[in-house]
PDB file of N, CA and C in Angstrom:
ATOM      1  N   UNK A   1     -66.297  -4.909  24.431  1.00  0.00           N
ATOM      2  CA  UNK A   1     -65.026  -5.538  25.159  1.00  0.00           C
ATOM      3  C   UNK A   1     -65.427  -6.448  26.258  1.00  0.00           C
ATOM      4  N   UNK A   2     -64.941  -7.485  26.204  1.00  0.00           N
ATOM      5  CA  UNK A   2     -65.127  -8.647  27.161  1.00  0.00           C
ATOM      6  C   UNK A   2     -64.147  -8.903  27.804  1.00  0.00           C
ATOM      7  N   UNK A   3     -64.185  -8.861  29.101  1.00  0.00           N
ATOM      8  CA  UNK A   3     -63.181  -9.245  30.260  1.00  0.00           C
ATOM      9  C   UNK A   3     -63.507 -10.295  30.925  1.00  0.00           C
ATOM     10  N   UNK A   4     -62.471 -11.221  30.856  1.00  0.00           N
ATOM     11  CA  UNK A   4     -62.370 -12.753  31.226  1.00  0.00           C
ATOM     12  C   UNK A   4     -61.773 -12.418  32.912  1.00  0.00           C
ATOM     13  N   UNK A   5     -62.846 -11.958  33.751  1.00  0.00           N
ATOM     14  CA  UNK A   5     -62.535 -11.742  35.268  1.00  0.00           C
ATOM     15  C   UNK A   5     -61.934 -13.024  35.816  1.00  0.00           C
ATOM     16  N   UNK A   6     -62.404 -14.173  35.455  1.00  0.00           N
ATOM     17  CA  UNK A   6     -61.860 -15.768  36.121  1.00  0.00           C
ATOM     18  C   UNK A   6     -60.236 -15.724  35.763  1.00  0.00           C
ATOM     19  N   UNK A   7     -60.035 -15.357  34.340  1.00  0.00           N
ATOM     20  CA  UNK A   7     -58.489 -15.420  34.140  1.00  0.00           C
ATOM     21  C   UNK A   7     -57.891 -14.369  34.754  1.00  0.00           C
ATOM     22  N   UNK A   8     -58.164 -13.031  34.940  1.00  0.00           N
ATOM     23  CA  UNK A   8     -57.407 -12.111  35.667  1.00  0.00           C
ATOM     24  C   UNK A   8     -57.383 -12.439  37.260  1.00  0.00           C
ATOM     25  N   UNK A   9     -58.441 -13.236  37.776  1.00  0.00           N
ATOM     26  CA  UNK A   9     -58.377 -13.593  39.088  1.00  0.00           C
ATOM     27  C   UNK A   9     -57.308 -14.624  39.477  1.00  0.00           C
ATOM     28  N   UNK A  10     -57.467 -15.373  38.613  1.00  0.00           N
ATOM     29  CA  UNK A  10     -56.602 -16.614  38.537  1.00  0.00           C
ATOM     30  C   UNK A  10     -55.160 -16.258  38.380  1.00  0.00           C
ATOM     31  N   UNK A  11     -55.071 -15.292  37.328  1.00  0.00           N
ATOM     32  CA  UNK A  11     -53.359 -14.581  37.409  1.00  0.00           C
ATOM     33  C   UNK A  11     -53.088 -13.981  38.660  1.00  0.00           C
ATOM     34  N   UNK A  12     -53.922 -13.350  39.302  1.00  0.00           N
ATOM     35  CA  UNK A  12     -53.420 -12.386  40.520  1.00  0.00           C
ATOM     36  C   UNK A  12     -53.625 -13.507  41.417  1.00  0.00           C
ATOM     37  N   UNK A  13     -54.183 -14.661  41.649  1.00  0.00           N
ATOM     38  CA  UNK A  13     -54.013 -15.596  42.570  1.00  0.00           C
ATOM     39  C   UNK A  13     -52.571 -16.340  42.370  1.00  0.00           C
ATOM     40  N   UNK A  14     -52.177 -16.629  41.141  1.00  0.00           N
ATOM     41  CA  UNK A  14     -51.113 -17.322  41.073  1.00  0.00           C
ATOM     42  C   UNK A  14     -49.790 -16.519  41.491  1.00  0.00           C
ATOM     43  N   UNK A  15     -49.702 -14.968  41.358  1.00  0.00           N
ATOM     44  CA  UNK A  15     -48.492 -14.079  41.568  1.00  0.00           C
ATOM     45  C   UNK A  15     -48.587 -14.143  42.973  1.00  0.00           C
ATOM     46  N   UNK A  16     -49.799 -13.900  43.716  1.00  0.00           N
ATOM     47  CA  UNK A  16     -50.161 -13.792  45.281  1.00  0.00           C
ATOM     48  C   UNK A  16     -49.787 -14.879  46.053  1.00  0.00           C
ATOM     49  N   UNK A  17     -50.164 -16.033  45.629  1.00  0.00           N
ATOM     50  CA  UNK A  17     -49.959 -17.318  46.503  1.00  0.00           C
ATOM     51  C   UNK A  17     -48.685 -17.591  46.743  1.00  0.00           C
ATOM     52  N   UNK A  18     -47.752 -17.532  45.935  1.00  0.00           N
ATOM     53  CA  UNK A  18     -46.460 -17.809  46.529  1.00  0.00           C
ATOM     54  C   UNK A  18     -45.939 -16.898  47.895  1.00  0.00           C
ATOM     55  N   UNK A  19     -46.412 -15.428  47.661  1.00  0.00           N
ATOM     56  CA  UNK A  19     -46.134 -14.354  48.739  1.00  0.00           C
ATOM     57  C   UNK A  19     -46.975 -14.731  50.025  1.00  0.00           C
ATOM     58  N   UNK A  20     -48.177 -15.157  49.736  1.00  0.00           N
ATOM     59  CA  UNK A  20     -49.072 -15.631  50.799  1.00  0.00           C
ATOM     60  C   UNK A  20     -48.514 -16.831  51.858  1.00  0.00           C
ATOM     61  N   UNK A  21     -48.124 -17.575  51.034  1.00  0.00           N
ATOM     62  CA  UNK A  21     -47.471 -19.085  51.750  1.00  0.00           C
ATOM     63  C   UNK A  21     -46.452 -18.729  52.108  1.00  0.00           C
ATOM     64  N   UNK A  22     -45.440 -18.174  51.631  1.00  0.00           N
ATOM     65  CA  UNK A  22     -43.922 -17.381  52.594  1.00  0.00           C
ATOM     66  C   UNK A  22     -44.376 -16.636  53.632  1.00  0.00           C
ATOM     67  N   UNK A  23     -45.394 -15.884  53.440  1.00  0.00           N
ATOM     68  CA  UNK A  23     -45.613 -15.298  54.755  1.00  0.00           C
ATOM     69  C   UNK A  23     -46.180 -16.012  55.936  1.00  0.00           C
ATOM     70  N   UNK A  24     -47.109 -16.937  55.609  1.00  0.00           N
ATOM     71  CA  UNK A  24     -47.373 -17.827  56.573  1.00  0.00           C
ATOM     72  C   UNK A  24     -46.697 -18.712  56.839  1.00  0.00           C
ATOM     73  N   UNK A  25     -45.606 -19.389  56.633  1.00  0.00           N
ATOM     74  CA  UNK A  25     -44.591 -20.353  56.705  1.00  0.00           C
ATOM     75  C   UNK A  25     -43.726 -19.334  57.715  1.00  0.00           C
ATOM     76  N   UNK A  26     -43.562 -18.284  57.216  1.00  0.00           N
ATOM     77  CA  UNK A  26     -42.484 -17.495  58.103  1.00  0.00           C
ATOM     78  C   UNK A  26     -43.187 -17.226  59.329  1.00  0.00           C
ATOM     79  N   UNK A  27     -44.502 -17.076  59.478  1.00  0.00           N
ATOM     80  CA  UNK A  27     -44.993 -16.612  60.780  1.00  0.00           C
ATOM     81  C   UNK A  27     -44.979 -17.888  61.803  1.00  0.00           C
ATOM     82  N   UNK A  28     -45.243 -19.100  61.109  1.00  0.00           N
ATOM     83  CA  UNK A  28     -45.061 -20.416  61.923  1.00  0.00           C
ATOM     84  C   UNK A  28     -43.783 -20.921  61.849  1.00  0.00           C
ATOM     85  N   UNK A  29     -42.897 -20.464  61.579  1.00  0.00           N
ATOM     86  CA  UNK A  29     -41.519 -20.770  61.775  1.00  0.00           C
ATOM     87  C   UNK A  29     -41.081 -21.830  60.835  1.00  0.00           C
ATOM     88  N   UNK A  30     -41.616 -21.935  59.720  1.00  0.00           N
ATOM     89  CA  UNK A  30     -41.486 -23.252  58.849  1.00  0.00           C
ATOM     90  C   UNK A  30     -40.584 -22.834  57.946  1.00  0.00           C
ATOM     91  N   UNK A  31     -39.233 -23.423  57.815  1.00  0.00           N
ATOM     92  CA  UNK A  31     -38.337 -22.744  56.830  1.00  0.00           C
ATOM     93  C   UNK A  31     -38.199 -23.690  55.817  1.00  0.00           C
ATOM     94  N   UNK A  32     -37.657 -23.708  54.763  1.00  0.00           N
ATOM     95  CA  UNK A  32     -37.460 -24.324  53.618  1.00  0.00           C
ATOM     96  C   UNK A  32     -36.433 -25.859  54.080  1.00  0.00           C
ATOM     97  N   UNK A  33     -35.838 -25.306  54.952  1.00  0.00           N
ATOM     98  CA  UNK A  33     -34.970 -26.719  55.438  1.00  0.00           C
ATOM     99  C   UNK A  33     -35.949 -27.282  56.406  1.00  0.00           C
ATOM    100  N   UNK A  34     -36.573 -27.022  57.132  1.00  0.00           N
ATOM    101  CA  UNK A  34     -37.438 -27.781  57.862  1.00  0.00           C
ATOM    102  C   UNK A  34     -38.659 -28.647  57.217  1.00  0.00           C
ATOM    103  N   UNK A  35     -38.903 -27.809  56.277  1.00  0.00           N
ATOM    104  CA  UNK A  35     -39.866 -28.687  55.004  1.00  0.00           C
ATOM    105  C   UNK A  35     -39.132 -29.830  54.325  1.00  0.00           C
ATOM    106  N   UNK A  36     -38.244 -29.442  53.889  1.00  0.00           N
ATOM    107  CA  UNK A  36     -37.174 -30.448  53.191  1.00  0.00           C
ATOM    108  C   UNK A  36     -36.961 -31.335  54.212  1.00  0.00           C
ATOM    109  N   UNK A  37     -36.910 -31.484  55.259  1.00  0.00           N
ATOM    110  CA  UNK A  37     -36.518 -32.128  56.562  1.00  0.00           C
ATOM    111  C   UNK A  37     -37.661 -33.505  56.819  1.00  0.00           C
ATOM    112  N   UNK A  38     -39.161 -32.355  56.619  1.00  0.00           N
ATOM    113  CA  UNK A  38     -40.198 -33.185  56.845  1.00  0.00           C
ATOM    114  C   UNK A  38     -40.787 -34.010  55.432  1.00  0.00           C
ATOM    115  N   UNK A  39     -40.299 -33.817  54.196  1.00  0.00           N
ATOM    116  CA  UNK A  39     -40.537 -34.372  53.303  1.00  0.00           C
ATOM    117  C   UNK A  39     -39.485 -35.577  53.178  1.00  0.00           C
ATOM    118  N   UNK A  40     -38.542 -35.504  53.500  1.00  0.00           N
ATOM    119  CA  UNK A  40     -37.606 -36.723  53.517  1.00  0.00           C
ATOM    120  C   UNK A  40     -38.141 -37.720  54.491  1.00  0.00           C
ATOM    121  N   UNK A  41     -38.609 -37.472  55.935  1.00  0.00           N
ATOM    122  CA  UNK A  41     -38.828 -38.384  56.724  1.00  0.00           C
ATOM    123  C   UNK A  41     -40.551 -38.909  56.064  1.00  0.00           C
ATOM    124  N   UNK A  42     -41.452 -38.152  55.403  1.00  0.00           N
ATOM    125  CA  UNK A  42     -42.518 -38.671  54.724  1.00  0.00           C
ATOM    126  C   UNK A  42     -42.020 -40.004  53.729  1.00  0.00           C
ATOM    127  N   UNK A  43     -41.036 -39.618  53.046  1.00  0.00           N
ATOM    128  CA  UNK A  43     -40.695 -40.410  52.232  1.00  0.00           C
ATOM    129  C   UNK A  43     -40.068 -41.779  52.869  1.00  0.00           C
ATOM    130  N   UNK A  44     -38.975 -41.632  53.648  1.00  0.00           N
ATOM    131  CA  UNK A  44     -38.529 -42.963  54.532  1.00  0.00           C
ATOM    132  C   UNK A  44     -39.827 -43.551  55.248  1.00  0.00           C
ATOM    133  N   UNK A  45     -40.790 -42.691  55.786  1.00  0.00           N
ATOM    134  CA  UNK A  45     -41.983 -43.468  56.307  1.00  0.00           C
ATOM    135  C   UNK A  45     -42.684 -44.342  55.371  1.00  0.00           C
ATOM    136  N   UNK A  46     -42.974 -43.693  54.396  1.00  0.00           N
ATOM    137  CA  UNK A  46     -43.485 -44.672  53.017  1.00  0.00           C
ATOM    138  C   UNK A  46     -42.566 -45.829  52.538  1.00  0.00           C
ATOM    139  N   UNK A  47     -41.417 -45.680  52.463  1.00  0.00           N
ATOM    140  CA  UNK A  47     -40.356 -46.792  52.119  1.00  0.00           C
ATOM    141  C   UNK A  47     -40.633 -47.979  53.286  1.00  0.00           C
ATOM    142  N   UNK A  48     -40.690 -47.405  54.668  1.00  0.00           N
ATOM    143  CA  UNK A  48     -40.891 -48.325  55.533  1.00  0.00           C
ATOM    144  C   UNK A  48     -42.278 -49.296  55.732  1.00  0.00           C
ATOM    145  N   UNK A  49     -43.088 -48.319  55.286  1.00  0.00           N
ATOM    146  CA  UNK A  49     -44.627 -49.115  54.996  1.00  0.00           C
ATOM    147  C   UNK A  49     -44.548 -50.170  54.056  1.00  0.00           C
ATOM    148  N   UNK A  50     -44.160 -49.848  53.003  1.00  0.00           N
ATOM    149  CA  UNK A  50     -43.833 -50.736  52.088  1.00  0.00           C
ATOM    150  C   UNK A  50     -42.935 -51.998  52.134  1.00  0.00           C
ATOM    151  N   UNK A  51     -41.840 -51.820  52.864  1.00  0.00           N
ATOM    152  CA  UNK A  51     -40.911 -52.952  53.375  1.00  0.00           C
ATOM    153  C   UNK A  51     -41.724 -53.624  54.243  1.00  0.00           C
ATOM    154  N   UNK A  52     -42.475 -53.316  55.241  1.00  0.00           N
ATOM    155  CA  UNK A  52     -43.148 -54.115  56.423  1.00  0.00           C
ATOM    156  C   UNK A  52     -44.053 -54.746  55.708  1.00  0.00           C
ATOM    157  N   UNK A  53     -44.711 -54.357  54.552  1.00  0.00           N
ATOM    158  CA  UNK A  53     -45.821 -55.054  54.032  1.00  0.00           C
ATOM    159  C   UNK A  53     -45.262 -56.204  53.013  1.00  0.00           C
ATOM    160  N   UNK A  54     -44.038 -55.887  52.615  1.00  0.00           N
ATOM    161  CA  UNK A  54     -43.462 -57.051  51.568  1.00  0.00           C
ATOM    162  C   UNK A  54     -42.669 -58.061  52.569  1.00  0.00           C
ATOM    163  N   UNK A  55     -42.042 -57.273  53.576  1.00  0.00           N
ATOM    164  CA  UNK A  55     -41.190 -58.268  54.439  1.00  0.00           C
ATOM    165  C   UNK A  55     -41.980 -59.120  55.551  1.00  0.00           C
ATOM    166  N   UNK A  56     -42.997 -58.658  56.014  1.00  0.00           N
ATOM    167  CA  UNK A  56     -43.890 -59.494  56.918  1.00  0.00           C
ATOM    168  C   UNK A  56     -45.217 -59.788  56.478  1.00  0.00           C
ATOM    169  N   UNK A  57     -45.593 -60.450  55.287  1.00  0.00           N
ATOM    170  CA  UNK A  57     -46.849 -60.624  54.809  1.00  0.00           C
ATOM    171  C   UNK A  57     -47.675 -61.326  55.673  1.00  0.00           C
ATOM    172  N   UNK A  58     -47.383 -62.036  56.417  1.00  0.00           N
ATOM    173  CA  UNK A  58     -48.185 -62.995  57.245  1.00  0.00           C
ATOM    174  C   UNK A  58     -48.382 -62.195  58.668  1.00  0.00           C
ATOM    175  N   UNK A  59     -47.474 -61.446  59.135  1.00  0.00           N
ATOM    176  CA  UNK A  59     -47.621 -60.760  60.213  1.00  0.00           C
ATOM    177  C   UNK A  59     -48.956 -59.726  60.379  1.00  0.00           C
ATOM    178  N   UNK A  60     -49.331 -59.537  61.777  1.00  0.00           N
ATOM    179  CA  UNK A  60     -50.561 -58.710  61.895  1.00  0.00           C
ATOM    180  C   UNK A  60     -50.051 -57.317  61.770  1.00  0.00           C
ATOM    181  N   UNK A  61     -51.309 -56.226  61.151  1.00  0.00           N
ATOM    182  CA  UNK A  61     -50.767 -54.934  61.147  1.00  0.00           C
ATOM    183  C   UNK A  61     -49.929 -54.162  62.655  1.00  0.00           C
ATOM    184  N   UNK A  62     -50.271 -54.739  63.440  1.00  0.00           N
ATOM    185  CA  UNK A  62     -50.018 -53.935  64.542  1.00  0.00           C
ATOM    186  C   UNK A  62     -48.348 -54.437  64.562  1.00  0.00           C
ATOM    187  N   UNK A  63     -47.833 -55.684  64.226  1.00  0.00           N
ATOM    188  CA  UNK A  63     -46.514 -55.824  64.209  1.00  0.00           C
ATOM    189  C   UNK A  63     -45.474 -55.129  62.955  1.00  0.00           C
ATOM    190  N   UNK A  64     -46.520 -55.221  61.973  1.00  0.00           N
ATOM    191  CA  UNK A  64     -45.795 -54.349  60.835  1.00  0.00           C
ATOM    192  C   UNK A  64     -45.799 -52.653  61.321  1.00  0.00           C
ATOM    193  N   UNK A  65     -46.680 -52.309  62.235  1.00  0.00           N
ATOM    194  CA  UNK A  65     -46.597 -50.780  62.612  1.00  0.00           C
ATOM    195  C   UNK A  65     -45.477 -50.823  63.520  1.00  0.00           C
ATOM    196  N   UNK A  66     -45.230 -51.538  64.363  1.00  0.00           N
ATOM    197  CA  UNK A  66     -44.285 -51.635  65.248  1.00  0.00           C
ATOM    198  C   UNK A  66     -43.005 -51.656  64.571  1.00  0.00           C
ATOM    199  N   UNK A  67     -42.695 -52.514  63.645  1.00  0.00           N
ATOM    200  CA  UNK A  67     -41.520 -52.621  62.653  1.00  0.00           C
ATOM    201  C   UNK A  67     -40.894 -51.385  62.278  1.00  0.00           C
ATOM    202  N   UNK A  68     -41.919 -51.205  61.601  1.00  0.00           N
ATOM    203  CA  UNK A  68     -41.902 -49.595  60.613  1.00  0.00           C
ATOM    204  C   UNK A  68     -41.571 -48.246  61.308  1.00  0.00           C
ATOM    205  N   UNK A  69     -42.320 -48.080  62.561  1.00  0.00           N
ATOM    206  CA  UNK A  69     -42.111 -47.224  63.375  1.00  0.00           C
ATOM    207  C   UNK A  69     -40.682 -47.089  63.990  1.00  0.00           C
ATOM    208  N   UNK A  70     -40.097 -48.342  64.386  1.00  0.00           N
ATOM    209  CA  UNK A  70     -39.176 -48.443  64.902  1.00  0.00           C
ATOM    210  C   UNK A  70     -37.833 -48.087  63.652  1.00  0.00           C
ATOM    211  N   UNK A  71     -38.110 -48.603  62.902  1.00  0.00           N
ATOM    212  CA  UNK A  71     -37.168 -48.414  61.452  1.00  0.00           C
ATOM    213  C   UNK A  71     -37.099 -46.841  61.289  1.00  0.00           C
ATOM    214  N   UNK A  72     -38.225 -46.261  61.235  1.00  0.00           N
ATOM    215  CA  UNK A  72     -38.198 -44.675  61.008  1.00  0.00           C
ATOM    216  C   UNK A  72     -37.539 -44.202  62.064  1.00  0.00           C
ATOM    217  N   UNK A  73     -38.052 -44.415  63.087  1.00  0.00           N
ATOM    218  CA  UNK A  73     -37.543 -43.521  64.136  1.00  0.00           C
ATOM    219  C   UNK A  73     -35.883 -43.741  64.334  1.00  0.00           C
ATOM    220  N   UNK A  74     -35.385 -44.991  64.102  1.00  0.00           N
ATOM    221  CA  UNK A  74     -33.701 -45.264  63.895  1.00  0.00           C
ATOM    222  C   UNK A  74     -32.990 -44.511  62.845  1.00  0.00           C
ATOM    223  N   UNK A  75     -34.035 -44.655  61.712  1.00  0.00           N
ATOM    224  CA  UNK A  75     -33.249 -43.602  60.408  1.00  0.00           C
ATOM    225  C   UNK A  75     -33.215 -42.196  60.723  1.00  0.00           C
ATOM    226  N   UNK A  76     -34.310 -41.759  61.475  1.00  0.00           N
ATOM    227  CA  UNK A  76     -34.420 -40.316  61.864  1.00  0.00           C
ATOM    228  C   UNK A  76     -33.389 -39.757  62.638  1.00  0.00           C
ATOM    229  N   UNK A  77     -33.404 -40.533  63.632  1.00  0.00           N
ATOM    230  CA  UNK A  77     -32.225 -40.374  64.562  1.00  0.00           C
ATOM    231  C   UNK A  77     -30.935 -40.646  64.069  1.00  0.00           C
ATOM    232  N   UNK A  78     -30.517 -41.472  63.354  1.00  0.00           N
ATOM    233  CA  UNK A  78     -29.099 -41.700  62.666  1.00  0.00           C
ATOM    234  C   UNK A  78     -28.768 -40.394  61.618  1.00  0.00           C
ATOM    235  N   UNK A  79     -29.953 -39.601  61.193  1.00  0.00           N
ATOM    236  CA  UNK A  79     -29.798 -38.609  60.378  1.00  0.00           C
ATOM    237  C   UNK A  79     -29.790 -37.370  61.076  1.00  0.00           C
ATOM    238  N   UNK A  80     -29.845 -37.364  62.446  1.00  0.00           N
ATOM    239  CA  UNK A  80     -29.695 -36.150  63.233  1.00  0.00           C
ATOM    240  C   UNK A  80     -31.053 -35.565  63.589  1.00  0.00           C
ATOM    241  N   UNK A  81     -32.067 -36.362  63.299  1.00  0.00           N
ATOM    242  CA  UNK A  81     -33.624 -35.821  64.006  1.00  0.00           C
ATOM    243  C   UNK A  81     -33.903 -36.057  65.222  1.00  0.00           C
ATOM    244  N   UNK A  82     -34.535 -35.419  65.789  1.00  0.00           N
ATOM    245  CA  UNK A  82     -35.035 -35.517  67.235  1.00  0.00           C
ATOM    246  C   UNK A  82     -36.361 -35.960  66.899  1.00  0.00           C
ATOM    247  N   UNK A  83     -36.685 -37.318  67.324  1.00  0.00           N
ATOM    248  CA  UNK A  83     -38.032 -37.535  67.140  1.00  0.00           C
ATOM    249  C   UNK A  83     -38.560 -38.674  68.333  1.00  0.00           C
ATOM    250  N   UNK A  84     -39.715 -38.466  68.670  1.00  0.00           N
ATOM    251  CA  UNK A  84     -40.257 -39.150  69.635  1.00  0.00           C
ATOM    252  C   UNK A  84     -40.889 -40.508  68.880  1.00  0.00           C
ATOM    253  N   UNK A  85     -41.210 -41.474  69.641  1.00  0.00           N
ATOM    254  CA  UNK A  85     -42.012 -42.875  69.180  1.00  0.00           C
ATOM    255  C   UNK A  85     -43.047 -42.603  68.776  1.00  0.00           C
ATOM    256  N   UNK A  86     -44.054 -41.779  69.515  1.00  0.00           N
ATOM    257  CA  UNK A  86     -45.377 -41.272  68.930  1.00  0.00           C
ATOM    258  C   UNK A  86     -45.361 -40.640  67.724  1.00  0.00           C
ATOM    259  N   UNK A  87     -44.437 -39.574  67.281  1.00  0.00           N
ATOM    260  CA  UNK A  87     -44.227 -38.636  66.149  1.00  0.00           C
ATOM    261  C   UNK A  87     -43.975 -40.023  65.203  1.00  0.00           C
ATOM    262  N   UNK A  88     -43.043 -40.774  65.251  1.00  0.00           N
ATOM    263  CA  UNK A  88     -42.577 -41.745  64.205  1.00  0.00           C
ATOM    264  C   UNK A  88     -43.787 -42.597  63.967  1.00  0.00           C
ATOM    265  N   UNK A  89     -44.587 -42.986  64.965  1.00  0.00           N
ATOM    266  CA  UNK A  89     -45.783 -43.806  64.691  1.00  0.00           C
ATOM    267  C   UNK A  89     -46.905 -43.046  64.099  1.00  0.00           C
ATOM    268  N   UNK A  90     -47.089 -41.754  64.365  1.00  0.00           N
ATOM    269  CA  UNK A  90     -47.939 -40.772  63.540  1.00  0.00           C
ATOM    270  C   UNK A  90     -47.400 -40.842  61.978  1.00  0.00           C
ATOM    271  N   UNK A  91     -46.162 -40.857  61.603  1.00  0.00           N
ATOM    272  CA  UNK A  91     -45.988 -40.536  60.449  1.00  0.00           C
ATOM    273  C   UNK A  91     -45.875 -41.822  59.536  1.00  0.00           C
ATOM    274  N   UNK A  92     -45.963 -42.886  60.186  1.00  0.00           N
ATOM    275  CA  UNK A  92     -46.050 -44.268  59.700  1.00  0.00           C
ATOM    276  C   UNK A  92     -47.381 -44.460  59.327  1.00  0.00           C
ATOM    277  N   UNK A  93     -48.380 -44.172  60.213  1.00  0.00           N
ATOM    278  CA  UNK A  93     -49.717 -44.243  60.195  1.00  0.00           C
ATOM    279  C   UNK A  93     -50.096 -43.339  58.816  1.00  0.00           C
ATOM    280  N   UNK A  94     -49.944 -42.388  58.859  1.00  0.00           N
ATOM    281  CA  UNK A  94     -50.146 -41.328  57.716  1.00  0.00           C
ATOM    282  C   UNK A  94     -49.799 -42.101  56.646  1.00  0.00           C
ATOM    283  N   UNK A  95     -48.526 -42.488  56.499  1.00  0.00           N
ATOM    284  CA  UNK A  95     -47.805 -43.177  55.012  1.00  0.00           C
ATOM    285  C   UNK A  95     -48.604 -44.443  54.717  1.00  0.00           C
ATOM    286  N   UNK A  96     -49.063 -45.178  55.665  1.00  0.00           N
ATOM    287  CA  UNK A  96     -50.158 -46.250  55.374  1.00  0.00           C
ATOM    288  C   UNK A  96     -50.934 -45.903  54.942  1.00  0.00           C
ATOM    289  N   UNK A  97     -51.744 -44.672  55.314  1.00  0.00           N
ATOM    290  CA  UNK A  97     -53.233 -44.298  54.824  1.00  0.00           C
ATOM    291  C   UNK A  97     -52.827 -43.452  53.537  1.00  0.00           C
ATOM    292  N   UNK A  98     -52.122 -43.246  53.308  1.00  0.00           N
ATOM    293  CA  UNK A  98     -51.608 -42.759  52.003  1.00  0.00           C
ATOM    294  C   UNK A  98     -51.435 -43.779  50.857  1.00  0.00           C
ATOM    295  N   UNK A  99     -51.083 -44.811  51.236  1.00  0.00           N
ATOM    296  CA  UNK A  99     -50.736 -45.806  50.292  1.00  0.00           C
ATOM    297  C   UNK A  99     -52.248 -46.622  50.324  1.00  0.00           C
ATOM    298  N   UNK A 100     -52.946 -46.778  51.295  1.00  0.00           N
ATOM    299  CA  UNK A 100     -54.241 -47.401  51.219  1.00  0.00           C
ATOM    300  C   UNK A 100     -55.130 -46.572  50.129  1.00  0.00           C
ATOM    301  N   UNK A 101     -55.196 -45.047  50.174  1.00  0.00           N
ATOM    302  CA  UNK A 101     -55.677 -44.344  49.546  1.00  0.00           C
ATOM    303  C   UNK A 101     -55.453 -44.365  48.088  1.00  0.00           C
ATOM    304  N   UNK A 102     -54.313 -44.355  48.090  1.00  0.00           N
ATOM    305  CA  UNK A 102     -53.552 -44.533  46.428  1.00  0.00           C
ATOM    306  C   UNK A 102     -54.129 -45.734  45.838  1.00  0.00           C
ATOM    307  N   UNK A 103     -54.001 -47.028  46.628  1.00  0.00           N
ATOM    308  CA  UNK A 103     -54.335 -48.011  45.929  1.00  0.00           C
ATOM    309  C   UNK A 103     -55.981 -48.429  45.473  1.00  0.00           C
ATOM    310  N   UNK A 104     -56.685 -47.616  46.538  1.00  0.00           N
ATOM    311  CA  UNK A 104     -58.439 -47.404  46.335  1.00  0.00           C
ATOM    312  C   UNK A 104     -58.308 -46.720  45.111  1.00  0.00           C
ATOM    313  N   UNK A 105     -57.754 -45.578  44.866  1.00  0.00           N
ATOM    314  CA  UNK A 105     -58.120 -45.076  43.740  1.00  0.00           C
ATOM    315  C   UNK A 105     -57.786 -45.387  42.422  1.00  0.00           C
ATOM    316  N   UNK A 106     -56.415 -46.130  42.642  1.00  0.00           N
ATOM    317  CA  UNK A 106     -56.150 -47.199  41.570  1.00  0.00           C
ATOM    318  C   UNK A 106     -57.305 -47.909  41.096  1.00  0.00           C
ATOM    319  N   UNK A 107     -57.520 -48.607  41.934  1.00  0.00           N
ATOM    320  CA  UNK A 107     -58.845 -49.681  41.881  1.00  0.00           C
ATOM    321  C   UNK A 107     -59.928 -49.132  41.223  1.00  0.00           C
ATOM    322  N   UNK A 108     -60.414 -47.916  41.724  1.00  0.00           N
ATOM    323  CA  UNK A 108     -61.590 -47.106  41.279  1.00  0.00           C
ATOM    324  C   UNK A 108     -61.274 -46.990  39.650  1.00  0.00           C
ATOM    325  N   UNK A 109     -60.129 -46.479  39.382  1.00  0.00           N
ATOM    326  CA  UNK A 109     -59.518 -45.940  38.215  1.00  0.00           C
ATOM    327  C   UNK A 109     -59.917 -46.952  37.146  1.00  0.00           C
ATOM    328  N   UNK A 110     -59.229 -48.063  37.584  1.00  0.00           N
ATOM    329  CA  UNK A 110     -59.104 -49.405  36.822  1.00  0.00           C
ATOM    330  C   UNK A 110     -60.126 -50.006  36.432  1.00  0.00           C
ATOM    331  N   UNK A 111     -61.207 -50.068  37.077  1.00  0.00           N
ATOM    332  CA  UNK A 111     -62.710 -50.480  36.902  1.00  0.00           C
ATOM    333  C   UNK A 111     -63.511 -49.692  35.728  1.00  0.00           C
TER     334      UNK A 111
END
């Protein structure tokens, strides 16, 4: 009788992981609604990063950052979220880094 311990451990992990994550999120006060709001904000940040790149190809990165940050902040405030300029800028910077990483990965895979 040969027991596949890796398979058993994986099944246990897949069963327990959602429970563990739910427990951690509950302790941190992260609800499904908060997570969905965050995801929505991240998607808007990506949109504004791409829009700044397309809209202002000759402008410096600082100018694009300022525009995307302001657009994201305005969109979030309009949607009823309270966000500071620093938080908005951090989200735009993270979206830009994600865009760069994805572009580099695509370049490496294409080589």
